């Protein structure tokens, strides 16, 4: 028997309660409540796991904090859904929320990632080959149970819709109630909440599925804050020094690879032999080097720019990079790309060869 039945019977009291009986449909607010409860309880299990590991929450005070946090998250989700609770928008919105929560829970738990703006950039720039590498039976099972099954139940649910003035009042009432519950729960644990969020900033990016929607919104909004116009030139006075007679021109090969943890390099003192081939070459490992970001779309252009990570993220205009300066100075620059994601704009104005 489906969770939300079109034809409720006496043997399905839960479905009957949602559908509202044979003569009329069920309440949209009730459907929102059930879907929100599902997402908060199950879709946020990576968040609850992280909270359970915090030493400051390892007691009954932590349980109370977790319950209040759940109400805060549920209030936020229900508030958004209340604004979308209309005949032709509620079910698509619930489906989107459920699937976003299912995919988010899977990737956060499986790969230990958080969903922020950088991760959203990575997601949107993933190509078909990378998608195939991510597919698995475990992913299908998790997304099917957490997302597809409740989405099917949502579409099978029969709802009663009054006229739009009454529905507007109901939506506003549900939105205000959701906001009041979230604010009330926050006030009860405000000191603990502020402390935990300040000391463990990654937790805010585990709030599912609000993290995905927030990341997508910032991704859309951020470029709009940057001035539209031509790319600003950089290093216009750079010139290649004159070579002595008979000297060979300089040849520089810069290999840009995947990000790796410096503290796991045997070259840097890590006890396990993680870099045996590099050690044979007698290379020098520069240790006072820091990543410009964790996603390719930001880190690659950032490391070829004269800006720091913080300045690059908050830049107002786009400027040329190192490849442009070297080419203008007189070097014959050639970018060889073997990654489907491309050079992220770094090689846009220099000759490029692609092997993918």
C-alpha atoms as a PDB file:
ATOM      1  CA  UNK A   1       0.000   0.000   0.000  1.00  0.00           C
ATOM      2  CA  UNK A   2       1.590   3.354  -0.995  1.00  0.00           C
ATOM      3  CA  UNK A   3       2.379   5.827   1.722  1.00  0.00           C
ATOM      4  CA  UNK A   4       0.060   8.407   0.143  1.00  0.00           C
ATOM      5  CA  UNK A   5      -2.861   6.586  -1.458  1.00  0.00           C
ATOM      6  CA  UNK A   6      -5.216   7.920  -4.107  1.00  0.00           C
ATOM      7  CA  UNK A   7      -7.869   5.505  -2.896  1.00  0.00           C
ATOM      8  CA  UNK A   8      -7.574   5.331   0.871  1.00  0.00           C
ATOM      9  CA  UNK A   9      -9.156   2.403   2.620  1.00  0.00           C
ATOM     10  CA  UNK A  10      -9.866   1.446   6.186  1.00  0.00           C
ATOM     11  CA  UNK A  11      -6.697  -0.672   6.158  1.00  0.00           C
ATOM     12  CA  UNK A  12      -4.536   2.379   5.476  1.00  0.00           C
ATOM     13  CA  UNK A  13      -5.174   4.886   8.269  1.00  0.00           C
ATOM     14  CA  UNK A  14      -2.076   6.950   7.522  1.00  0.00           C
ATOM     15  CA  UNK A  15      -2.939   7.275   3.852  1.00  0.00           C
ATOM     16  CA  UNK A  16      -6.556   8.000   4.783  1.00  0.00           C
ATOM     17  CA  UNK A  17      -5.419  10.724   7.147  1.00  0.00           C
ATOM     18  CA  UNK A  18      -3.405  12.389   4.396  1.00  0.00           C
ATOM     19  CA  UNK A  19      -5.936  12.002   1.629  1.00  0.00           C
ATOM     20  CA  UNK A  20      -8.772  13.236   3.814  1.00  0.00           C
ATOM     21  CA  UNK A  21     -11.219  10.471   2.950  1.00  0.00           C
ATOM     22  CA  UNK A  22     -12.824   9.308  -0.287  1.00  0.00           C
ATOM     23  CA  UNK A  23     -14.853  12.470  -0.810  1.00  0.00           C
ATOM     24  CA  UNK A  24     -12.119  15.074  -0.564  1.00  0.00           C
ATOM     25  CA  UNK A  25      -8.366  15.494  -0.767  1.00  0.00           C
ATOM     26  CA  UNK A  26      -5.883  15.955   2.015  1.00  0.00           C
ATOM     27  CA  UNK A  27      -4.282  19.101   3.340  1.00  0.00           C
ATOM     28  CA  UNK A  28      -1.245  20.549   1.519  1.00  0.00           C
ATOM     29  CA  UNK A  29       0.089  21.668   4.902  1.00  0.00           C
ATOM     30  CA  UNK A  30       0.015  18.071   6.147  1.00  0.00           C
ATOM     31  CA  UNK A  31       1.926  16.910   3.090  1.00  0.00           C
ATOM     32  CA  UNK A  32       4.506  19.643   3.672  1.00  0.00           C
ATOM     33  CA  UNK A  33       4.845  18.591   7.307  1.00  0.00           C
ATOM     34  CA  UNK A  34       5.407  14.925   6.442  1.00  0.00           C
ATOM     35  CA  UNK A  35       7.919  15.697   3.697  1.00  0.00           C
ATOM     36  CA  UNK A  36       9.759  18.153   5.945  1.00  0.00           C
ATOM     37  CA  UNK A  37       9.928  15.615   8.763  1.00  0.00           C
ATOM     38  CA  UNK A  38      11.340  13.045   6.327  1.00  0.00           C
ATOM     39  CA  UNK A  39      14.031  15.411   5.073  1.00  0.00           C
ATOM     40  CA  UNK A  40      15.009  16.641   8.524  1.00  0.00           C
ATOM     41  CA  UNK A  41      15.158  13.192  10.104  1.00  0.00           C
ATOM     42  CA  UNK A  42      16.691  11.135   7.281  1.00  0.00           C
ATOM     43  CA  UNK A  43      18.033  13.595   4.723  1.00  0.00           C
ATOM     44  CA  UNK A  44      20.189  15.269   7.367  1.00  0.00           C
ATOM     45  CA  UNK A  45      21.815  12.164   8.788  1.00  0.00           C
ATOM     46  CA  UNK A  46      25.349  13.417   7.871  1.00  0.00           C
ATOM     47  CA  UNK A  47      24.657  16.511   9.988  1.00  0.00           C
ATOM     48  CA  UNK A  48      23.379  14.474  12.925  1.00  0.00           C
ATOM     49  CA  UNK A  49      26.480  12.264  12.718  1.00  0.00           C
ATOM     50  CA  UNK A  50      28.747  15.306  12.896  1.00  0.00           C
ATOM     51  CA  UNK A  51      26.819  16.783  15.814  1.00  0.00           C
ATOM     52  CA  UNK A  52      27.043  13.488  17.712  1.00  0.00           C
ATOM     53  CA  UNK A  53      30.856  13.607  17.430  1.00  0.00           C
ATOM     54  CA  UNK A  54      31.188  17.052  19.002  1.00  0.00           C
ATOM     55  CA  UNK A  55      32.463  16.757  22.597  1.00  0.00           C
ATOM     56  CA  UNK A  56      30.508  19.812  23.743  1.00  0.00           C
ATOM     57  CA  UNK A  57      27.266  18.077  22.729  1.00  0.00           C
ATOM     58  CA  UNK A  58      28.003  14.622  24.137  1.00  0.00           C
ATOM     59  CA  UNK A  59      25.312  14.722  26.859  1.00  0.00           C
ATOM     60  CA  UNK A  60      21.608  15.371  27.346  1.00  0.00           C
ATOM     61  CA  UNK A  61      22.253  19.021  26.608  1.00  0.00           C
ATOM     62  CA  UNK A  62      23.417  17.885  23.199  1.00  0.00           C
ATOM     63  CA  UNK A  63      20.181  15.960  22.674  1.00  0.00           C
ATOM     64  CA  UNK A  64      18.160  19.079  23.454  1.00  0.00           C
ATOM     65  CA  UNK A  65      20.358  21.080  21.097  1.00  0.00           C
ATOM     66  CA  UNK A  66      19.866  18.507  18.340  1.00  0.00           C
ATOM     67  CA  UNK A  67      16.088  18.592  18.716  1.00  0.00           C
ATOM     68  CA  UNK A  68      16.044  22.389  18.632  1.00  0.00           C
ATOM     69  CA  UNK A  69      18.351  22.369  15.605  1.00  0.00           C
ATOM     70  CA  UNK A  70      15.973  19.962  13.867  1.00  0.00           C
ATOM     71  CA  UNK A  71      13.061  22.338  14.513  1.00  0.00           C
ATOM     72  CA  UNK A  72      15.106  25.240  13.122  1.00  0.00           C
ATOM     73  CA  UNK A  73      15.918  23.313   9.950  1.00  0.00           C
ATOM     74  CA  UNK A  74      12.360  22.061   9.613  1.00  0.00           C
ATOM     75  CA  UNK A  75      11.022  25.573  10.058  1.00  0.00           C
ATOM     76  CA  UNK A  76      13.270  26.860   7.293  1.00  0.00           C
ATOM     77  CA  UNK A  77      12.259  24.096   4.885  1.00  0.00           C
ATOM     78  CA  UNK A  78       8.551  24.438   5.665  1.00  0.00           C
ATOM     79  CA  UNK A  79       8.768  28.218   5.269  1.00  0.00           C
ATOM     80  CA  UNK A  80      10.080  27.882   1.722  1.00  0.00           C
ATOM     81  CA  UNK A  81       7.577  25.176   0.849  1.00  0.00           C
ATOM     82  CA  UNK A  82       4.713  27.264   2.242  1.00  0.00           C
ATOM     83  CA  UNK A  83       5.547  29.955  -0.296  1.00  0.00           C
ATOM     84  CA  UNK A  84       5.319  27.330  -3.042  1.00  0.00           C
ATOM     85  CA  UNK A  85       2.156  25.627  -1.793  1.00  0.00           C
ATOM     86  CA  UNK A  86      -0.018  26.095  -4.850  1.00  0.00           C
ATOM     87  CA  UNK A  87      -1.859  23.594  -6.999  1.00  0.00           C
ATOM     88  CA  UNK A  88       0.716  23.405  -9.804  1.00  0.00           C
ATOM     89  CA  UNK A  89       3.897  24.145  -7.852  1.00  0.00           C
ATOM     90  CA  UNK A  90       3.778  22.217  -4.566  1.00  0.00           C
ATOM     91  CA  UNK A  91       4.419  18.708  -5.863  1.00  0.00           C
ATOM     92  CA  UNK A  92       7.244  19.735  -8.231  1.00  0.00           C
ATOM     93  CA  UNK A  93       8.807  21.739  -5.388  1.00  0.00           C
ATOM     94  CA  UNK A  94       8.540  18.823  -2.958  1.00  0.00           C
ATOM     95  CA  UNK A  95      10.085  16.519  -5.550  1.00  0.00           C
ATOM     96  CA  UNK A  96      12.984  18.920  -6.044  1.00  0.00           C
ATOM     97  CA  UNK A  97      13.524  19.247  -2.287  1.00  0.00           C
ATOM     98  CA  UNK A  98      13.398  15.485  -1.717  1.00  0.00           C
ATOM     99  CA  UNK A  99      15.791  14.652  -4.550  1.00  0.00           C
ATOM    100  CA  UNK A 100      18.188  17.429  -3.551  1.00  0.00           C
ATOM    101  CA  UNK A 101      18.170  16.116   0.020  1.00  0.00           C
ATOM    102  CA  UNK A 102      18.741  12.536  -1.151  1.00  0.00           C
ATOM    103  CA  UNK A 103      21.658  13.370  -3.441  1.00  0.00           C
ATOM    104  CA  UNK A 104      23.123  15.747  -0.872  1.00  0.00           C
ATOM    105  CA  UNK A 105      22.951  13.177   1.925  1.00  0.00           C
ATOM    106  CA  UNK A 106      24.607  10.547  -0.259  1.00  0.00           C
ATOM    107  CA  UNK A 107      27.539  12.679  -1.389  1.00  0.00           C
ATOM    108  CA  UNK A 108      28.126  14.287   2.006  1.00  0.00           C
ATOM    109  CA  UNK A 109      28.163  10.918   3.754  1.00  0.00           C
ATOM    110  CA  UNK A 110      30.037   8.931   1.096  1.00  0.00           C
ATOM    111  CA  UNK A 111      32.753  11.438   0.225  1.00  0.00           C
ATOM    112  CA  UNK A 112      32.869  13.500   3.411  1.00  0.00           C
ATOM    113  CA  UNK A 113      32.203  16.755   1.549  1.00  0.00           C
ATOM    114  CA  UNK A 114      30.115  19.777   2.408  1.00  0.00           C
ATOM    115  CA  UNK A 115      27.833  21.488  -0.079  1.00  0.00           C
ATOM    116  CA  UNK A 116      28.909  25.074  -0.526  1.00  0.00           C
ATOM    117  CA  UNK A 117      29.442  27.387  -3.457  1.00  0.00           C
ATOM    118  CA  UNK A 118      32.662  25.632  -4.465  1.00  0.00           C
ATOM    119  CA  UNK A 119      31.038  22.215  -4.442  1.00  0.00           C
ATOM    120  CA  UNK A 120      28.131  23.540  -6.490  1.00  0.00           C
ATOM    121  CA  UNK A 121      30.612  24.838  -9.081  1.00  0.00           C
ATOM    122  CA  UNK A 122      32.197  21.384  -9.207  1.00  0.00           C
ATOM    123  CA  UNK A 123      28.793  19.775  -9.604  1.00  0.00           C
ATOM    124  CA  UNK A 124      27.697  22.008 -12.464  1.00  0.00           C
ATOM    125  CA  UNK A 125      31.016  21.551 -14.297  1.00  0.00           C
ATOM    126  CA  UNK A 126      30.980  17.742 -14.060  1.00  0.00           C
ATOM    127  CA  UNK A 127      31.027  16.076 -17.474  1.00  0.00           C
ATOM    128  CA  UNK A 128      29.403  12.815 -18.559  1.00  0.00           C
ATOM    129  CA  UNK A 129      32.562  10.757 -18.010  1.00  0.00           C
ATOM    130  CA  UNK A 130      32.885  11.972 -14.437  1.00  0.00           C
ATOM    131  CA  UNK A 131      29.191  11.303 -13.849  1.00  0.00           C
ATOM    132  CA  UNK A 132      29.626   7.685 -14.966  1.00  0.00           C
ATOM    133  CA  UNK A 133      32.473   7.287 -12.476  1.00  0.00           C
ATOM    134  CA  UNK A 134      30.182   8.417  -9.653  1.00  0.00           C
ATOM    135  CA  UNK A 135      27.307   6.068 -10.444  1.00  0.00           C
ATOM    136  CA  UNK A 136      26.954   3.024  -8.200  1.00  0.00           C
ATOM    137  CA  UNK A 137      24.345   0.654  -6.825  1.00  0.00           C
ATOM    138  CA  UNK A 138      24.780   2.214  -3.393  1.00  0.00           C
ATOM    139  CA  UNK A 139      23.999   5.637  -4.816  1.00  0.00           C
ATOM    140  CA  UNK A 140      20.904   4.273  -6.561  1.00  0.00           C
ATOM    141  CA  UNK A 141      19.738   2.640  -3.313  1.00  0.00           C
ATOM    142  CA  UNK A 142      20.237   5.727  -1.139  1.00  0.00           C
ATOM    143  CA  UNK A 143      18.687   8.150  -3.627  1.00  0.00           C
ATOM    144  CA  UNK A 144      15.864   5.713  -4.335  1.00  0.00           C
ATOM    145  CA  UNK A 145      14.932   5.283  -0.675  1.00  0.00           C
ATOM    146  CA  UNK A 146      15.479   8.875   0.455  1.00  0.00           C
ATOM    147  CA  UNK A 147      14.304  10.675  -2.661  1.00  0.00           C
ATOM    148  CA  UNK A 148      12.452   8.685  -5.293  1.00  0.00           C
ATOM    149  CA  UNK A 149      10.111   6.687  -3.045  1.00  0.00           C
ATOM    150  CA  UNK A 150       8.820   9.699  -1.087  1.00  0.00           C
ATOM    151  CA  UNK A 151       8.598  11.670  -4.353  1.00  0.00           C
ATOM    152  CA  UNK A 152       6.368   8.961  -5.819  1.00  0.00           C
ATOM    153  CA  UNK A 153       4.261   9.089  -2.663  1.00  0.00           C
ATOM    154  CA  UNK A 154       3.965  12.865  -3.035  1.00  0.00           C
ATOM    155  CA  UNK A 155       2.655  12.562  -6.585  1.00  0.00           C
ATOM    156  CA  UNK A 156       0.168   9.874  -5.555  1.00  0.00           C
ATOM    157  CA  UNK A 157      -1.240  12.063  -2.799  1.00  0.00           C
ATOM    158  CA  UNK A 158      -4.630  13.636  -3.513  1.00  0.00           C
ATOM    159  CA  UNK A 159      -4.921  17.169  -2.175  1.00  0.00           C
ATOM    160  CA  UNK A 160      -7.830  19.535  -1.646  1.00  0.00           C
ATOM    161  CA  UNK A 161      -7.251  23.021  -3.014  1.00  0.00           C
ATOM    162  CA  UNK A 162      -9.553  25.906  -2.029  1.00  0.00           C
ATOM    163  CA  UNK A 163      -9.786  29.141  -3.980  1.00  0.00           C
ATOM    164  CA  UNK A 164      -6.605  31.165  -4.232  1.00  0.00           C
ATOM    165  CA  UNK A 165      -7.563  33.813  -1.598  1.00  0.00           C
ATOM    166  CA  UNK A 166      -8.106  31.144   1.048  1.00  0.00           C
ATOM    167  CA  UNK A 167      -5.002  29.243  -0.066  1.00  0.00           C
ATOM    168  CA  UNK A 168      -2.980  32.446   0.161  1.00  0.00           C
ATOM    169  CA  UNK A 169      -4.104  32.916   3.757  1.00  0.00           C
ATOM    170  CA  UNK A 170      -3.240  29.297   4.554  1.00  0.00           C
ATOM    171  CA  UNK A 171       0.182  29.655   2.980  1.00  0.00           C
ATOM    172  CA  UNK A 172       0.880  32.830   4.921  1.00  0.00           C
ATOM    173  CA  UNK A 173      -0.295  31.167   8.122  1.00  0.00           C
ATOM    174  CA  UNK A 174       1.946  28.148   7.541  1.00  0.00           C
ATOM    175  CA  UNK A 175       4.890  30.397   6.683  1.00  0.00           C
ATOM    176  CA  UNK A 176       4.426  32.476   9.844  1.00  0.00           C
ATOM    177  CA  UNK A 177       4.036  29.350  11.979  1.00  0.00           C
ATOM    178  CA  UNK A 178       7.199  27.844  10.489  1.00  0.00           C
ATOM    179  CA  UNK A 179       9.108  31.061  11.087  1.00  0.00           C
ATOM    180  CA  UNK A 180       7.839  31.298  14.667  1.00  0.00           C
ATOM    181  CA  UNK A 181       8.857  27.715  15.435  1.00  0.00           C
ATOM    182  CA  UNK A 182      12.321  28.213  13.957  1.00  0.00           C
ATOM    183  CA  UNK A 183      12.903  31.485  15.817  1.00  0.00           C
ATOM    184  CA  UNK A 184      11.515  30.065  19.055  1.00  0.00           C
ATOM    185  CA  UNK A 185      13.765  27.009  18.873  1.00  0.00           C
ATOM    186  CA  UNK A 186      16.740  29.236  18.082  1.00  0.00           C
ATOM    187  CA  UNK A 187      16.080  31.429  21.102  1.00  0.00           C
ATOM    188  CA  UNK A 188      15.996  28.377  23.373  1.00  0.00           C
ATOM    189  CA  UNK A 189      19.509  27.288  22.377  1.00  0.00           C
ATOM    190  CA  UNK A 190      20.936  30.550  21.088  1.00  0.00           C
ATOM    191  CA  UNK A 191      24.147  30.521  23.137  1.00  0.00           C
ATOM    192  CA  UNK A 192      24.979  26.927  22.256  1.00  0.00           C
ATOM    193  CA  UNK A 193      23.949  27.501  18.655  1.00  0.00           C
ATOM    194  CA  UNK A 194      26.156  30.567  18.249  1.00  0.00           C
ATOM    195  CA  UNK A 195      29.105  28.784  19.853  1.00  0.00           C
ATOM    196  CA  UNK A 196      28.770  25.634  17.752  1.00  0.00           C
ATOM    197  CA  UNK A 197      28.312  27.545  14.495  1.00  0.00           C
ATOM    198  CA  UNK A 198      31.288  29.765  15.300  1.00  0.00           C
ATOM    199  CA  UNK A 199      33.627  26.911  16.212  1.00  0.00           C
ATOM    200  CA  UNK A 200      32.410  24.419  13.600  1.00  0.00           C
ATOM    201  CA  UNK A 201      31.605  26.513  10.544  1.00  0.00           C
ATOM    202  CA  UNK A 202      31.385  23.454   8.286  1.00  0.00           C
ATOM    203  CA  UNK A 203      28.112  22.415   9.954  1.00  0.00           C
ATOM    204  CA  UNK A 204      26.160  25.157   8.193  1.00  0.00           C
ATOM    205  CA  UNK A 205      27.046  23.522   4.877  1.00  0.00           C
ATOM    206  CA  UNK A 206      25.565  20.202   6.023  1.00  0.00           C
ATOM    207  CA  UNK A 207      22.027  21.565   6.483  1.00  0.00           C
ATOM    208  CA  UNK A 208      20.192  19.599   3.825  1.00  0.00           C
ATOM    209  CA  UNK A 209      18.722  20.530   1.321  1.00  0.00           C
ATOM    210  CA  UNK A 210      18.958  24.231   2.198  1.00  0.00           C
ATOM    211  CA  UNK A 211      22.722  24.090   1.648  1.00  0.00           C
ATOM    212  CA  UNK A 212      22.262  23.203  -2.030  1.00  0.00           C
ATOM    213  CA  UNK A 213      19.759  25.985  -2.668  1.00  0.00           C
ATOM    214  CA  UNK A 214      21.881  28.548  -0.834  1.00  0.00           C
ATOM    215  CA  UNK A 215      25.011  27.520  -2.747  1.00  0.00           C
ATOM    216  CA  UNK A 216      23.169  27.756  -6.051  1.00  0.00           C
ATOM    217  CA  UNK A 217      21.754  31.175  -5.142  1.00  0.00           C
ATOM    218  CA  UNK A 218      25.198  32.549  -4.259  1.00  0.00           C
ATOM    219  CA  UNK A 219      26.585  31.105  -7.478  1.00  0.00           C
ATOM    220  CA  UNK A 220      23.964  33.003  -9.467  1.00  0.00           C
ATOM    221  CA  UNK A 221      24.296  36.176  -7.408  1.00  0.00           C
ATOM    222  CA  UNK A 222      28.096  36.508  -7.123  1.00  0.00           C
ATOM    223  CA  UNK A 223      28.869  37.127 -10.821  1.00  0.00           C
ATOM    224  CA  UNK A 224      26.251  39.865 -10.842  1.00  0.00           C
ATOM    225  CA  UNK A 225      28.270  41.812  -8.265  1.00  0.00           C
ATOM    226  CA  UNK A 226      31.276  41.866 -10.612  1.00  0.00           C
ATOM    227  CA  UNK A 227      31.552  44.612 -13.183  1.00  0.00           C
ATOM    228  CA  UNK A 228      30.755  43.486 -16.703  1.00  0.00           C
ATOM    229  CA  UNK A 229      33.295  44.618 -19.260  1.00  0.00           C
ATOM    230  CA  UNK A 230      36.548  43.735 -20.994  1.00  0.00           C
ATOM    231  CA  UNK A 231      39.200  41.741 -19.170  1.00  0.00           C
ATOM    232  CA  UNK A 232      41.638  44.146 -17.545  1.00  0.00           C
ATOM    233  CA  UNK A 233      45.231  43.913 -18.870  1.00  0.00           C
ATOM    234  CA  UNK A 234      48.032  42.931 -16.530  1.00  0.00           C
ATOM    235  CA  UNK A 235      51.810  43.381 -16.729  1.00  0.00           C
ATOM    236  CA  UNK A 236      51.809  45.431 -19.913  1.00  0.00           C
ATOM    237  CA  UNK A 237      55.469  46.400 -19.394  1.00  0.00           C
ATOM    238  CA  UNK A 238      56.722  42.793 -19.201  1.00  0.00           C
ATOM    239  CA  UNK A 239      59.428  42.014 -21.772  1.00  0.00           C
ATOM    240  CA  UNK A 240      61.553  38.939 -22.517  1.00  0.00           C
ATOM    241  CA  UNK A 241      65.217  39.757 -21.774  1.00  0.00           C
ATOM    242  CA  UNK A 242      67.678  39.665 -24.644  1.00  0.00           C
ATOM    243  CA  UNK A 243      69.535  36.358 -25.026  1.00  0.00           C
ATOM    244  CA  UNK A 244      73.309  36.128 -25.422  1.00  0.00           C
ATOM    245  CA  UNK A 245      74.502  35.179 -28.929  1.00  0.00           C
ATOM    246  CA  UNK A 246      74.144  31.426 -29.526  1.00  0.00           C
ATOM    247  CA  UNK A 247      72.136  30.819 -26.342  1.00  0.00           C
ATOM    248  CA  UNK A 248      69.115  28.565 -26.461  1.00  0.00           C
ATOM    249  CA  UNK A 249      65.793  30.177 -25.658  1.00  0.00           C
ATOM    250  CA  UNK A 250      64.420  29.310 -22.218  1.00  0.00           C
ATOM    251  CA  UNK A 251      62.015  26.395 -22.014  1.00  0.00           C
ATOM    252  CA  UNK A 252      59.676  26.186 -19.027  1.00  0.00           C
ATOM    253  CA  UNK A 253      57.274  23.274 -18.519  1.00  0.00           C
ATOM    254  CA  UNK A 254      54.672  23.807 -15.797  1.00  0.00           C
ATOM    255  CA  UNK A 255      52.583  20.751 -14.943  1.00  0.00           C
ATOM    256  CA  UNK A 256      49.339  21.443 -13.125  1.00  0.00           C
ATOM    257  CA  UNK A 257      47.892  18.346 -11.490  1.00  0.00           C
ATOM    258  CA  UNK A 258      45.208  17.318  -9.060  1.00  0.00           C
ATOM    259  CA  UNK A 259      45.097  18.660  -5.532  1.00  0.00           C
ATOM    260  CA  UNK A 260      46.827  16.495  -2.920  1.00  0.00           C
ATOM    261  CA  UNK A 261      47.287  16.774   0.830  1.00  0.00           C
ATOM    262  CA  UNK A 262      50.748  18.123   1.641  1.00  0.00           C
ATOM    263  CA  UNK A 263      50.761  16.380   5.024  1.00  0.00           C
ATOM    264  CA  UNK A 264      50.430  13.014   3.242  1.00  0.00           C
ATOM    265  CA  UNK A 265      53.558  13.475   1.115  1.00  0.00           C
ATOM    266  CA  UNK A 266      56.580  11.388   2.076  1.00  0.00           C
ATOM    267  CA  UNK A 267      58.645  14.210   0.567  1.00  0.00           C
ATOM    268  CA  UNK A 268      57.354  16.393   3.388  1.00  0.00           C
ATOM    269  CA  UNK A 269      58.129  13.907   6.156  1.00  0.00           C
ATOM    270  CA  UNK A 270      55.026  11.684   6.071  1.00  0.00           C
ATOM    271  CA  UNK A 271      56.063   8.239   7.457  1.00  0.00           C
ATOM    272  CA  UNK A 272      54.392   6.145   4.746  1.00  0.00           C
ATOM    273  CA  UNK A 273      56.078   5.882   1.305  1.00  0.00           C
ATOM    274  CA  UNK A 274      53.416   7.804  -0.608  1.00  0.00           C
ATOM    275  CA  UNK A 275      55.768   9.437  -3.161  1.00  0.00           C
ATOM    276  CA  UNK A 276      58.395   6.788  -4.095  1.00  0.00           C
ATOM    277  CA  UNK A 277      58.727   7.826  -7.751  1.00  0.00           C
ATOM    278  CA  UNK A 278      59.198  11.491  -6.915  1.00  0.00           C
ATOM    279  CA  UNK A 279      61.858  10.632  -4.355  1.00  0.00           C
ATOM    280  CA  UNK A 280      63.881   8.853  -7.062  1.00  0.00           C
ATOM    281  CA  UNK A 281      64.003  12.073  -9.077  1.00  0.00           C
ATOM    282  CA  UNK A 282      65.489  14.133  -6.282  1.00  0.00           C
ATOM    283  CA  UNK A 283      62.864  16.849  -6.605  1.00  0.00           C
ATOM    284  CA  UNK A 284      62.486  19.806  -4.267  1.00  0.00           C
ATOM    285  CA  UNK A 285      59.227  20.067  -2.350  1.00  0.00           C
ATOM    286  CA  UNK A 286      58.158  23.629  -1.617  1.00  0.00           C
ATOM    287  CA  UNK A 287      56.243  23.441   1.648  1.00  0.00           C
ATOM    288  CA  UNK A 288      55.211  27.047   2.190  1.00  0.00           C
ATOM    289  CA  UNK A 289      52.564  26.808  -0.527  1.00  0.00           C
ATOM    290  CA  UNK A 290      48.828  27.041  -0.012  1.00  0.00           C
ATOM    291  CA  UNK A 291      45.866  26.049  -2.139  1.00  0.00           C
ATOM    292  CA  UNK A 292      43.901  28.771  -3.875  1.00  0.00           C
ATOM    293  CA  UNK A 293      40.702  26.775  -3.421  1.00  0.00           C
ATOM    294  CA  UNK A 294      39.244  23.287  -3.456  1.00  0.00           C
ATOM    295  CA  UNK A 295      37.396  23.499  -6.762  1.00  0.00           C
ATOM    296  CA  UNK A 296      38.988  23.663 -10.184  1.00  0.00           C
ATOM    297  CA  UNK A 297      36.818  26.523 -11.434  1.00  0.00           C
ATOM    298  CA  UNK A 298      38.222  28.867  -8.772  1.00  0.00           C
ATOM    299  CA  UNK A 299      41.648  27.458  -7.918  1.00  0.00           C
ATOM    300  CA  UNK A 300      43.080  27.310 -11.458  1.00  0.00           C
ATOM    301  CA  UNK A 301      42.427  30.949 -12.465  1.00  0.00           C
ATOM    302  CA  UNK A 302      43.316  32.062  -8.939  1.00  0.00           C
ATOM    303  CA  UNK A 303      46.774  30.477  -8.958  1.00  0.00           C
ATOM    304  CA  UNK A 304      47.545  32.123 -12.319  1.00  0.00           C
ATOM    305  CA  UNK A 305      46.460  35.528 -11.017  1.00  0.00           C
ATOM    306  CA  UNK A 306      48.432  37.973  -8.816  1.00  0.00           C
ATOM    307  CA  UNK A 307      45.673  37.886  -6.187  1.00  0.00           C
ATOM    308  CA  UNK A 308      45.426  36.043  -2.908  1.00  0.00           C
ATOM    309  CA  UNK A 309      42.614  33.570  -2.361  1.00  0.00           C
ATOM    310  CA  UNK A 310      40.490  36.074  -0.461  1.00  0.00           C
ATOM    311  CA  UNK A 311      41.092  38.886  -2.931  1.00  0.00           C
ATOM    312  CA  UNK A 312      40.343  36.612  -5.879  1.00  0.00           C
ATOM    313  CA  UNK A 313      37.011  35.500  -4.444  1.00  0.00           C
ATOM    314  CA  UNK A 314      35.999  39.125  -3.795  1.00  0.00           C
ATOM    315  CA  UNK A 315      37.383  40.645  -6.998  1.00  0.00           C
ATOM    316  CA  UNK A 316      35.226  43.240  -8.733  1.00  0.00           C
ATOM    317  CA  UNK A 317      36.620  42.790 -12.251  1.00  0.00           C
ATOM    318  CA  UNK A 318      38.270  40.017 -14.255  1.00  0.00           C
ATOM    319  CA  UNK A 319      41.942  40.481 -15.131  1.00  0.00           C
ATOM    320  CA  UNK A 320      44.473  38.712 -17.290  1.00  0.00           C
ATOM    321  CA  UNK A 321      46.627  35.971 -15.822  1.00  0.00           C
ATOM    322  CA  UNK A 322      50.174  34.676 -15.945  1.00  0.00           C
ATOM    323  CA  UNK A 323      49.721  33.027 -19.358  1.00  0.00           C
ATOM    324  CA  UNK A 324      48.679  36.371 -20.883  1.00  0.00           C
ATOM    325  CA  UNK A 325      51.628  38.214 -19.345  1.00  0.00           C
ATOM    326  CA  UNK A 326      54.169  35.630 -20.534  1.00  0.00           C
ATOM    327  CA  UNK A 327      52.749  35.668 -24.051  1.00  0.00           C
ATOM    328  CA  UNK A 328      52.847  39.468 -24.218  1.00  0.00           C
ATOM    329  CA  UNK A 329      56.424  39.444 -22.915  1.00  0.00           C
ATOM    330  CA  UNK A 330      57.523  37.342 -25.888  1.00  0.00           C
ATOM    331  CA  UNK A 331      57.228  33.709 -24.799  1.00  0.00           C
ATOM    332  CA  UNK A 332      55.552  31.243 -27.160  1.00  0.00           C
ATOM    333  CA  UNK A 333      52.957  29.993 -24.687  1.00  0.00           C
ATOM    334  CA  UNK A 334      51.177  26.697 -25.380  1.00  0.00           C
ATOM    335  CA  UNK A 335      48.523  25.272 -23.049  1.00  0.00           C
ATOM    336  CA  UNK A 336      48.103  21.496 -23.328  1.00  0.00           C
ATOM    337  CA  UNK A 337      44.870  20.353 -21.722  1.00  0.00           C
ATOM    338  CA  UNK A 338      43.928  16.740 -20.972  1.00  0.00           C
ATOM    339  CA  UNK A 339      41.024  17.454 -18.619  1.00  0.00           C
ATOM    340  CA  UNK A 340      37.467  17.650 -19.891  1.00  0.00           C
ATOM    341  CA  UNK A 341      36.679  20.522 -17.547  1.00  0.00           C
ATOM    342  CA  UNK A 342      39.010  22.822 -19.483  1.00  0.00           C
ATOM    343  CA  UNK A 343      41.385  25.519 -18.296  1.00  0.00           C
ATOM    344  CA  UNK A 344      38.655  27.627 -16.629  1.00  0.00           C
ATOM    345  CA  UNK A 345      39.499  30.668 -18.741  1.00  0.00           C
ATOM    346  CA  UNK A 346      43.257  30.667 -18.104  1.00  0.00           C
ATOM    347  CA  UNK A 347      44.105  29.581 -21.673  1.00  0.00           C
ATOM    348  CA  UNK A 348      41.341  31.564 -23.339  1.00  0.00           C
ATOM    349  CA  UNK A 349      43.770  33.983 -25.033  1.00  0.00           C
ATOM    350  CA  UNK A 350      46.742  31.672 -25.711  1.00  0.00           C
ATOM    351  CA  UNK A 351      47.211  28.760 -28.162  1.00  0.00           C
ATOM    352  CA  UNK A 352      45.691  25.570 -26.747  1.00  0.00           C
ATOM    353  CA  UNK A 353      45.839  21.861 -27.569  1.00  0.00           C
ATOM    354  CA  UNK A 354      43.206  19.587 -26.047  1.00  0.00           C
ATOM    355  CA  UNK A 355      43.602  15.823 -25.604  1.00  0.00           C
ATOM    356  CA  UNK A 356      40.123  14.787 -24.464  1.00  0.00           C
END
